Amino acid sequence: MRFPINRSAALMLAALIVLSSGPAVAKDKGGGVPPAPIHVTGPAADYPVTVGDPFTIGSTVWTPTDQMNYDAVGKADVGTDGSLAGVSAAHKTLPIPSYAEVTSLDTGRTILLRIVKRGPMLNDVLTELSPLAAQQLGVAPGSNAPVRVRRVNPPEQERALLRSGGSAPERIETPEGLLKVLRRKLADQSPLLPPPSIPPAMPTGVPAEALAQMSVNRPPIRPEGGAREPSPISAPVAPPTPKAAQPKPILKPTPKPVAPKAAPSAAPARVGEPAARRGAAIVQVGAFSLEANARGLAAKLGGKVTKSGAFWRVYLGPYGNRDSAAGALEKAKRAGYKDARIQNVN
C-alpha cells in the first residue's frame, strides 16, 4: 500500500537545510582553510634576532656581531624618511632588534631605545635616531650631535613600552667627569672605525672571591707579544741610617763617647701602595687565586699586581683623584671587566 507524498513539505525542508548551512567556506588551492594572519606580541616580538652579513661602505667593511658589551662614542643623525618609528634607532653592527642606552655628550641626558634597522650608510655617523628618540634626547635634525651608544638588557616592562611605540623612563644623567672622558675619547678616534674584537664580559654582580675561584681551573694567561711581566710591588725600603762618626783617638785617656741613637725609620707602606701616593685613587680590575692569571691580565691592561690575603689583585693606577681614574675605569670596562671599580688609597 503506497502512502501519499506531500511534495510541498519536502521542498520546504530542503530549503531550510540549505539556509541553515550558511555560506560556503573558501578554501585555498591545496584544499585547506587559509590560516589567519598572526600578530606577534609580548617577548616573542624580539625574536628572532638578526645579525646579518658583513657589508661595505666606501672602503670600510662593517661586520655585524652579537656583542653584549658594546660601548662606543660617535656622531648621531636624525632620520627623516619615516623608516624609524617610536623611540628607535639604526646601527651598523648591533643585532636587530636589540636595546641600547644613548647619552648626549653635550647635556649628559640618557634614554633607552630599540635598534630596529641597519645603518646609517655613512662611515662617520655612529647611529641614526628616530624623530621621537631625537626629541627625547634633545638632538636637533642635522646637528650631528656627539653621543655614546651602550648596549643594555632592559627589563621586559621597558621593552614592551618601546615595542608599543611608547618611551621608557629617562635614565640618570651622566656625571660631568665621565662626560669629559667620553668627549676626549671622541676627539681622539677620528675617523670612526668598526668596533674591535673585545673579549666576553665577566659576569656582573659576582663577588671578587667567587671570580677568583672561577679562575682556578683556567690555564694561566700569558702576556701578549712576549712582554715581560711586571715585577711584584713591594713596600719602599727606608734608606739605612748613617753610622755615628767615631771620635779621633787622643793621647790622654778619655771616656768613650756615646754614639747617638739611630733615628727611627718611617713605617713602611702597605704592600702594593706607594707611600707618596696615599690618598689617591686606583681602579681595581679583578682578583685571582693564581698569580700567573693576575700577571697576565696586568700585562694586557698595563696594570699592576699586588697580593691581598690569599688572592692576587690587578689594578690600574694610582691616580691623583677619582676623576682622574675615570678614564682607566672606562678602559677596564671596555675590555670586558664590568666589575672594575674605583677605590681610594687610604
Protein backbone atom coordinates (compact mmCIF):
# COMPACT_ATOMS: atom_id res chain seq x y z
CA MET A 1 0.00 0.00 0.00
CA ARG A 2 1.57 3.38 -1.02
CA PHE A 3 1.24 6.46 1.20
CA PRO A 4 0.62 9.86 -0.36
CA ILE A 5 3.72 12.14 -0.55
CA ASN A 6 3.43 15.80 0.40
CA ARG A 7 5.81 17.36 -2.18
CA SER A 8 5.39 20.92 -0.78
CA ALA A 9 6.61 19.90 2.67
CA ALA A 10 9.66 18.15 1.18
CA LEU A 11 10.69 21.26 -0.78
CA MET A 12 10.34 23.49 2.28
CA LEU A 13 12.52 21.11 4.36
CA ALA A 14 15.28 21.16 1.71
CA ALA A 15 15.26 24.97 1.60
CA LEU A 16 15.64 25.18 5.38
CA ILE A 17 18.65 22.84 5.32
CA VAL A 18 20.42 24.99 2.67
CA LEU A 19 19.77 28.24 4.52
CA SER A 20 20.97 26.89 7.90
CA SER A 21 24.26 25.65 6.45
CA GLY A 22 25.44 29.26 5.79
CA PRO A 23 27.85 30.41 3.07
CA ALA A 24 30.50 28.04 1.81
CA VAL A 25 33.96 28.42 3.38
CA ALA A 26 36.62 29.50 0.93
CA LYS A 27 39.46 27.05 0.51
CA ASP A 28 42.97 27.54 -0.71
CA LYS A 29 44.40 25.74 -3.72
CA GLY A 30 45.57 22.89 -1.52
CA GLY A 31 42.06 22.25 -0.25
CA GLY A 32 42.67 23.54 3.30
CA VAL A 33 41.36 26.62 5.12
CA PRO A 34 43.77 29.58 4.69
CA PRO A 35 45.43 30.48 8.04
CA ALA A 36 44.55 33.74 9.72
CA PRO A 37 47.38 36.30 9.95
CA ILE A 38 49.38 36.04 13.22
CA HIS A 39 50.31 39.24 15.08
CA VAL A 40 53.22 38.51 17.43
CA THR A 41 53.14 40.35 20.75
CA GLY A 42 54.98 40.15 24.07
CA PRO A 43 58.60 38.99 24.47
CA ALA A 44 58.28 36.86 21.31
CA ALA A 45 58.27 40.09 19.28
CA ASP A 46 62.01 40.45 19.99
CA TYR A 47 62.77 37.14 18.23
CA PRO A 48 64.30 36.00 16.00
CA VAL A 49 67.32 38.27 16.47
CA THR A 50 69.06 39.04 13.16
CA VAL A 51 72.78 39.77 12.99
CA GLY A 52 73.37 39.83 9.24
CA ASP A 53 76.33 39.59 6.87
CA PRO A 54 79.30 41.99 6.55
CA PHE A 55 78.77 44.96 4.25
CA THR A 56 80.91 47.72 2.80
CA ILE A 57 80.53 51.49 2.93
CA GLY A 58 83.14 53.04 0.64
CA SER A 59 86.33 51.13 1.50
CA THR A 60 85.33 50.24 5.09
CA VAL A 61 83.95 46.79 5.91
CA TRP A 62 81.41 46.64 8.74
CA THR A 63 80.72 43.25 10.35
CA PRO A 64 77.53 42.94 12.46
CA THR A 65 78.12 40.98 15.69
CA ASP A 66 76.06 39.98 18.72
CA GLN A 67 78.35 41.89 21.11
CA MET A 68 76.80 42.16 24.58
CA ASN A 69 79.30 44.68 26.00
CA TYR A 70 79.24 47.11 23.05
CA ASP A 71 80.11 50.67 24.15
CA ALA A 72 81.15 53.38 21.68
CA VAL A 73 81.07 57.13 21.06
CA GLY A 74 80.39 58.95 17.79
CA LYS A 75 78.00 61.26 15.95
CA ALA A 76 74.21 60.83 15.79
CA ASP A 77 71.97 61.85 12.88
CA VAL A 78 68.17 62.07 12.83
CA GLY A 79 66.21 60.01 10.29
CA THR A 80 63.60 61.89 8.26
CA ASP A 81 62.47 59.26 5.73
CA GLY A 82 59.81 57.74 8.02
CA SER A 83 61.54 54.33 8.30
CA LEU A 84 62.13 54.75 12.04
CA ALA A 85 59.04 54.85 14.28
CA GLY A 86 58.69 55.22 18.03
CA VAL A 87 61.81 55.59 20.17
CA SER A 88 64.17 53.62 17.93
CA ALA A 89 67.43 53.88 16.03
CA ALA A 90 69.56 52.39 13.26
CA HIS A 91 73.03 50.92 13.87
CA LYS A 92 75.67 49.31 11.65
CA THR A 93 76.70 46.31 13.78
CA LEU A 94 74.29 45.70 16.68
CA PRO A 95 71.71 42.89 16.28
CA ILE A 96 68.17 43.65 15.12
CA PRO A 97 66.28 44.02 17.36
CA SER A 98 68.40 44.94 20.36
CA TYR A 99 68.33 47.67 23.01
CA ALA A 100 70.80 50.44 23.82
CA GLU A 101 71.20 53.45 26.08
CA VAL A 102 72.15 56.59 24.15
CA THR A 103 73.75 59.51 26.01
CA SER A 104 74.11 63.05 24.70
CA LEU A 105 77.70 64.14 25.36
CA ASP A 106 76.52 67.78 25.30
CA THR A 107 73.95 67.51 28.11
CA GLY A 108 74.51 64.11 29.78
CA ARG A 109 70.87 63.13 29.14
CA THR A 110 70.43 59.37 28.58
CA ILE A 111 67.50 57.49 27.02
CA LEU A 112 66.67 53.86 26.24
CA LEU A 113 65.80 52.96 22.64
CA ARG A 114 65.33 49.94 20.36
CA ILE A 115 67.66 49.13 17.45
CA VAL A 116 65.38 48.16 14.54
CA LYS A 117 67.30 49.00 11.36
CA ARG A 118 70.74 48.58 9.77
CA GLY A 119 72.51 51.88 9.10
CA PRO A 120 73.22 54.72 8.72
CA MET A 121 75.14 54.19 5.48
CA LEU A 122 77.75 56.82 6.33
CA ASN A 123 81.12 55.84 7.77
CA ASP A 124 81.41 58.87 10.06
CA VAL A 125 77.95 58.59 11.67
CA LEU A 126 77.54 56.12 14.54
CA THR A 127 73.75 55.91 14.74
CA GLU A 128 70.57 57.31 13.22
CA LEU A 129 67.82 58.30 15.68
CA SER A 130 64.10 58.26 15.06
CA PRO A 131 62.40 61.68 15.36
CA LEU A 132 60.85 60.68 18.71
CA ALA A 133 64.19 59.42 20.08
CA ALA A 134 65.92 62.63 18.94
CA GLN A 135 63.21 64.73 20.59
CA GLN A 136 63.51 62.79 23.85
CA LEU A 137 67.32 63.12 23.80
CA GLY A 138 67.25 66.79 22.81
CA VAL A 139 69.03 66.31 19.46
CA ALA A 140 68.03 68.55 16.54
CA PRO A 141 67.92 67.19 12.96
CA GLY A 142 71.12 67.87 11.04
CA SER A 143 73.13 68.66 14.21
CA ASN A 144 75.39 65.55 14.12
CA ALA A 145 75.29 65.50 17.92
CA PRO A 146 78.04 63.69 19.86
CA VAL A 147 76.61 60.62 21.64
CA ARG A 148 77.54 57.47 23.47
CA VAL A 149 75.82 54.18 22.48
CA ARG A 150 75.92 51.37 25.04
CA ARG A 151 74.07 48.07 24.55
CA VAL A 152 71.93 47.02 27.53
CA ASN A 153 69.47 44.30 28.51
CA PRO A 154 66.44 46.19 29.91
CA PRO A 155 63.54 44.56 31.80
CA GLU A 156 60.53 43.29 29.85
CA GLN A 157 58.32 46.16 31.05
CA GLU A 158 60.57 48.71 29.31
CA ARG A 159 60.92 46.52 26.20
CA ALA A 160 57.13 46.37 25.95
CA LEU A 161 56.87 50.17 26.15
CA LEU A 162 59.30 50.62 23.26
CA ARG A 163 57.70 47.88 21.14
CA SER A 164 54.29 49.53 21.50
CA GLY A 165 55.60 52.94 20.36
CA GLY A 166 55.98 54.43 23.84
CA SER A 167 59.10 55.58 25.66
CA ALA A 168 60.95 54.11 28.64
CA PRO A 169 61.74 56.21 31.76
CA GLU A 170 64.68 58.54 31.27
CA ARG A 171 67.97 57.42 32.83
CA ILE A 172 70.08 59.27 35.40
CA GLU A 173 72.20 61.97 33.78
CA THR A 174 75.87 61.09 33.23
CA PRO A 175 78.24 62.99 35.61
CA GLU A 176 80.43 65.71 34.14
CA GLY A 177 83.66 63.86 34.99
CA LEU A 178 82.70 60.89 32.81
CA LEU A 179 81.38 63.19 30.06
CA LYS A 180 84.84 64.81 29.84
CA VAL A 181 86.43 61.39 29.41
CA LEU A 182 83.94 60.43 26.68
CA ARG A 183 84.38 63.73 24.82
CA ARG A 184 88.16 63.27 24.89
CA LYS A 185 87.72 59.73 23.58
CA LEU A 186 85.54 61.01 20.72
CA ALA A 187 88.10 63.68 19.82
CA ASP A 188 90.89 61.08 19.65
CA GLN A 189 89.12 58.48 17.48
CA SER A 190 88.64 60.28 14.15
CA PRO A 191 87.80 58.68 11.76
CA LEU A 192 85.15 56.37 13.11
CA LEU A 193 86.21 52.73 12.64
CA PRO A 194 84.42 49.38 13.09
CA PRO A 195 84.44 48.13 16.71
CA PRO A 196 87.46 45.97 17.66
CA SER A 197 87.09 42.42 18.87
CA ILE A 198 86.52 42.56 22.65
CA PRO A 199 86.69 39.54 24.99
CA PRO A 200 83.45 38.45 26.69
CA ALA A 201 82.49 40.39 29.78
CA MET A 202 82.86 38.93 33.25
CA PRO A 203 79.59 38.09 35.00
CA THR A 204 78.22 41.11 36.81
CA GLY A 205 77.22 41.09 40.45
CA VAL A 206 79.67 38.30 41.40
CA PRO A 207 81.93 38.88 44.45
CA ALA A 208 85.68 39.05 43.83
CA GLU A 209 86.21 35.86 45.88
CA ALA A 210 83.84 33.95 43.62
CA LEU A 211 85.57 35.29 40.49
CA ALA A 212 88.87 34.14 41.94
CA GLN A 213 87.51 30.64 42.42
CA MET A 214 86.25 30.66 38.82
CA SER A 215 89.81 31.31 37.64
CA VAL A 216 91.30 28.30 39.49
CA ASN A 217 90.72 25.83 36.64
CA ARG A 218 91.59 28.26 33.86
CA PRO A 219 95.02 27.98 32.13
CA PRO A 220 97.44 30.79 33.00
CA ILE A 221 97.08 33.91 30.85
CA ARG A 222 100.35 34.65 29.09
CA PRO A 223 101.26 38.24 28.19
CA GLU A 224 100.65 39.10 24.54
CA GLY A 225 103.71 39.68 22.36
CA GLY A 226 106.06 38.15 24.93
CA ALA A 227 106.00 41.26 27.11
CA ARG A 228 107.90 40.91 30.35
CA GLU A 229 105.70 40.56 33.40
CA PRO A 230 105.79 43.44 35.82
CA SER A 231 107.78 42.85 38.95
CA PRO A 232 105.89 42.47 42.23
CA ILE A 233 105.09 45.68 44.05
CA SER A 234 106.78 45.83 47.43
CA ALA A 235 106.93 48.40 50.17
CA PRO A 236 109.65 51.05 49.72
CA VAL A 237 112.70 50.39 51.86
CA ALA A 238 113.85 53.23 54.08
CA PRO A 239 117.50 54.28 53.45
CA PRO A 240 119.94 52.97 56.06
CA THR A 241 120.72 55.34 58.89
CA PRO A 242 124.33 56.58 58.64
CA LYS A 243 126.59 55.36 61.41
CA ALA A 244 127.69 57.87 64.00
CA ALA A 245 131.12 59.36 63.35
CA GLN A 246 133.81 57.89 65.60
CA PRO A 247 135.96 60.45 67.51
CA LYS A 248 139.61 60.74 66.61
CA PRO A 249 141.97 58.97 69.06
CA ILE A 250 143.76 61.25 71.53
CA LEU A 251 146.76 60.66 73.77
CA LYS A 252 145.02 61.23 77.06
CA PRO A 253 142.51 58.58 78.05
CA THR A 254 139.03 59.91 77.89
CA PRO A 255 135.64 58.30 78.39
CA LYS A 256 134.33 56.63 75.26
CA PRO A 257 131.82 58.81 73.51
CA VAL A 258 128.28 57.52 73.41
CA ALA A 259 127.05 57.05 69.84
CA PRO A 260 123.81 58.89 69.10
CA LYS A 261 120.73 56.70 68.74
CA ALA A 262 119.68 55.98 65.18
CA ALA A 263 116.60 57.85 64.08
CA PRO A 264 113.59 55.54 63.82
CA SER A 265 112.84 54.64 60.22
CA ALA A 266 109.49 55.58 58.74
CA ALA A 267 106.76 52.99 58.99
CA PRO A 268 106.63 51.01 55.72
CA ALA A 269 103.66 51.49 53.47
CA ARG A 270 101.23 48.68 52.84
CA VAL A 271 102.15 46.21 50.10
CA GLY A 272 101.20 47.50 46.67
CA GLU A 273 100.57 51.09 47.89
CA PRO A 274 103.24 53.70 47.06
CA ALA A 275 103.69 55.89 50.12
CA ALA A 276 103.95 59.05 48.04
CA ARG A 277 100.51 58.50 46.58
CA ARG A 278 98.45 57.74 49.67
CA GLY A 279 95.05 59.40 49.47
CA ALA A 280 94.96 58.88 45.67
CA ALA A 281 92.67 56.51 43.75
CA ILE A 282 93.14 53.20 41.91
CA VAL A 283 90.93 51.13 39.60
CA GLN A 284 90.62 47.54 40.84
CA VAL A 285 90.02 45.24 37.85
CA GLY A 286 89.80 41.80 39.46
CA ALA A 287 91.15 39.30 41.98
CA PHE A 288 92.69 35.90 41.18
CA SER A 289 93.84 32.93 43.23
CA LEU A 290 96.58 32.17 40.66
CA GLU A 291 99.43 34.66 40.38
CA ALA A 292 100.03 33.79 36.70
CA ASN A 293 96.47 34.76 35.75
CA ALA A 294 96.75 38.06 37.60
CA ARG A 295 100.06 38.93 35.96
CA GLY A 296 98.78 38.02 32.52
CA LEU A 297 95.82 40.40 32.88
CA ALA A 298 98.06 43.14 34.31
CA ALA A 299 100.41 42.87 31.33
CA LYS A 300 97.45 43.03 28.95
CA LEU A 301 95.94 46.18 30.54
CA GLY A 302 99.19 47.85 31.58
CA GLY A 303 98.24 47.44 35.24
CA LYS A 304 99.90 46.26 38.43
CA VAL A 305 99.62 43.24 40.72
CA THR A 306 99.58 43.08 44.49
CA LYS A 307 98.83 40.26 46.92
CA SER A 308 95.96 40.66 49.37
CA GLY A 309 95.48 37.67 51.64
CA ALA A 310 95.05 34.55 49.51
CA PHE A 311 94.33 36.50 46.30
CA TRP A 312 96.32 38.47 43.74
CA ARG A 313 94.68 41.77 42.86
CA VAL A 314 95.06 43.51 39.47
CA TYR A 315 94.66 47.28 39.49
CA LEU A 316 95.39 50.39 37.41
CA GLY A 317 96.96 53.50 38.84
CA PRO A 318 97.40 55.14 41.26
CA TYR A 319 95.80 58.40 40.05
CA GLY A 320 95.63 61.80 41.67
CA ASN A 321 91.88 61.60 42.39
CA ARG A 322 88.73 59.71 41.46
CA ASP A 323 88.04 61.93 38.43
CA SER A 324 91.50 61.16 37.06
CA ALA A 325 90.77 57.44 37.45
CA ALA A 326 87.52 57.60 35.44
CA GLY A 327 89.32 57.07 32.14
CA ALA A 328 91.07 53.93 33.41
CA LEU A 329 87.75 52.62 34.71
CA GLU A 330 86.22 53.01 31.25
CA LYS A 331 89.25 51.24 29.74
CA ALA A 332 88.79 48.25 32.06
CA LYS A 333 85.06 48.04 31.36
CA ARG A 334 85.58 48.27 27.59
CA ALA A 335 87.98 45.34 27.93
CA GLY A 336 85.13 43.29 29.38
CA TYR A 337 85.69 43.67 33.13
CA LYS A 338 82.36 45.20 34.15
CA ASP A 339 83.05 44.69 37.89
CA ALA A 340 86.03 47.07 37.80
CA ARG A 341 85.63 49.90 40.30
CA ILE A 342 87.45 52.95 41.66
CA GLN A 343 88.89 52.69 45.18
CA ASN A 344 90.60 55.26 47.37
CA VAL A 345 94.15 54.51 48.52
CA ASN A 346 93.87 55.16 52.26
